Amino acid sequence: MPTLIAQCVMCYRTAAAQQGGRSEILNSGILIMLGAPLLVLISLAVLVWRREVKRRGASREGL
């Protein structure tokens, strides 16, 4: 997994104080925990988009 800078200062210092393998595990854990909120956000965005497309289609049919 490529090195990504996805850490707060506290996580960064904790990872820097640990050995290389442990810091990689911490980085992976942070990225994994980021997945659930992103999935919820993307799902909500798709839901809003679908409703908007449906609403626009219904308003065009009424013209």
C-alpha atoms as a PDB file:
ATOM      1  CA  MET A   1       0.000   0.000   0.000  1.00  0.00           C
ATOM      2  CA  PRO A   2       1.466   3.374  -0.912  1.00  0.00           C
ATOM      3  CA  THR A   3       2.350   5.743   1.860  1.00  0.00           C
ATOM      4  CA  LEU A   4      -0.485   8.180   2.374  1.00  0.00           C
ATOM      5  CA  ILE A   5      -0.421  11.109   4.746  1.00  0.00           C
ATOM      6  CA  ALA A   6      -3.793  10.584   6.401  1.00  0.00           C
ATOM      7  CA  GLN A   7      -2.932  11.221  10.012  1.00  0.00           C
ATOM      8  CA  CYS A   8      -3.517  13.777  12.665  1.00  0.00           C
ATOM      9  CA  VAL A   9      -0.486  15.023  14.590  1.00  0.00           C
ATOM     10  CA  MET A  10      -1.031  12.607  17.472  1.00  0.00           C
ATOM     11  CA  CYS A  11      -1.242   9.601  15.131  1.00  0.00           C
ATOM     12  CA  TYR A  12       1.812  10.788  13.235  1.00  0.00           C
ATOM     13  CA  ARG A  13       3.919  11.056  16.397  1.00  0.00           C
ATOM     14  CA  THR A  14       2.710   7.671  17.636  1.00  0.00           C
ATOM     15  CA  ALA A  15       3.619   6.058  14.322  1.00  0.00           C
ATOM     16  CA  ALA A  16       7.006   7.792  14.243  1.00  0.00           C
ATOM     17  CA  ALA A  17       7.832   6.462  17.714  1.00  0.00           C
ATOM     18  CA  GLN A  18       7.062   2.881  16.693  1.00  0.00           C
ATOM     19  CA  GLN A  19       8.935   0.459  14.508  1.00  0.00           C
ATOM     20  CA  GLY A  20       8.386   0.522  10.738  1.00  0.00           C
ATOM     21  CA  GLY A  21       6.005  -2.440  10.627  1.00  0.00           C
ATOM     22  CA  ARG A  22       3.789  -1.129  13.373  1.00  0.00           C
ATOM     23  CA  SER A  23       3.553   2.309  11.807  1.00  0.00           C
ATOM     24  CA  GLU A  24       2.432   0.730   8.524  1.00  0.00           C
ATOM     25  CA  ILE A  25      -0.279  -1.189  10.393  1.00  0.00           C
ATOM     26  CA  LEU A  26      -1.418   2.027  12.071  1.00  0.00           C
ATOM     27  CA  ASN A  27      -1.587   3.777   8.699  1.00  0.00           C
ATOM     28  CA  SER A  28      -3.590   0.895   7.219  1.00  0.00           C
ATOM     29  CA  GLY A  29      -5.979   0.967  10.178  1.00  0.00           C
ATOM     30  CA  ILE A  30      -6.585   4.687   9.744  1.00  0.00           C
ATOM     31  CA  LEU A  31      -7.377   4.214   6.064  1.00  0.00           C
ATOM     32  CA  ILE A  32      -9.676   1.254   6.780  1.00  0.00           C
ATOM     33  CA  MET A  33     -11.604   3.276   9.383  1.00  0.00           C
ATOM     34  CA  LEU A  34     -12.006   6.040   6.811  1.00  0.00           C
ATOM     35  CA  GLY A  35     -13.876   3.628   4.511  1.00  0.00           C
ATOM     36  CA  ALA A  36     -17.184   3.479   6.442  1.00  0.00           C
ATOM     37  CA  PRO A  37     -17.790   7.253   6.605  1.00  0.00           C
ATOM     38  CA  LEU A  38     -16.856   7.600   2.937  1.00  0.00           C
ATOM     39  CA  LEU A  39     -19.263   4.813   2.004  1.00  0.00           C
ATOM     40  CA  VAL A  40     -22.098   6.558   3.883  1.00  0.00           C
ATOM     41  CA  LEU A  41     -21.282   9.915   2.285  1.00  0.00           C
ATOM     42  CA  ILE A  42     -21.127   8.456  -1.222  1.00  0.00           C
ATOM     43  CA  SER A  43     -24.386   6.546  -0.662  1.00  0.00           C
ATOM     44  CA  LEU A  44     -26.170   9.720   0.436  1.00  0.00           C
ATOM     45  CA  ALA A  45     -24.805  11.646  -2.541  1.00  0.00           C
ATOM     46  CA  VAL A  46     -26.032   8.948  -4.954  1.00  0.00           C
ATOM     47  CA  LEU A  47     -29.446   8.901  -3.275  1.00  0.00           C
ATOM     48  CA  VAL A  48     -29.810  12.683  -3.594  1.00  0.00           C
ATOM     49  CA  TRP A  49     -28.620  12.582  -7.197  1.00  0.00           C
ATOM     50  CA  ARG A  50     -31.120   9.848  -8.141  1.00  0.00           C
ATOM     51  CA  ARG A  51     -33.987  11.733  -6.527  1.00  0.00           C
ATOM     52  CA  GLU A  52     -32.988  14.908  -8.351  1.00  0.00           C
ATOM     53  CA  VAL A  53     -32.844  13.113 -11.703  1.00  0.00           C
ATOM     54  CA  LYS A  54     -36.236  11.525 -11.042  1.00  0.00           C
ATOM     55  CA  ARG A  55     -37.738  14.881 -10.030  1.00  0.00           C
ATOM     56  CA  ARG A  56     -36.381  16.614 -13.127  1.00  0.00           C
ATOM     57  CA  GLY A  57     -37.730  13.836 -15.352  1.00  0.00           C
ATOM     58  CA  ALA A  58     -41.196  14.122 -13.803  1.00  0.00           C
ATOM     59  CA  SER A  59     -41.263  17.918 -14.203  1.00  0.00           C
ATOM     60  CA  ARG A  60     -40.300  17.648 -17.893  1.00  0.00           C
ATOM     61  CA  GLU A  61     -43.121  15.187 -18.558  1.00  0.00           C
ATOM     62  CA  GLY A  62     -45.630  17.645 -17.097  1.00  0.00           C
ATOM     63  CA  LEU A  63     -44.708  20.359 -19.615  1.00  0.00           C
END
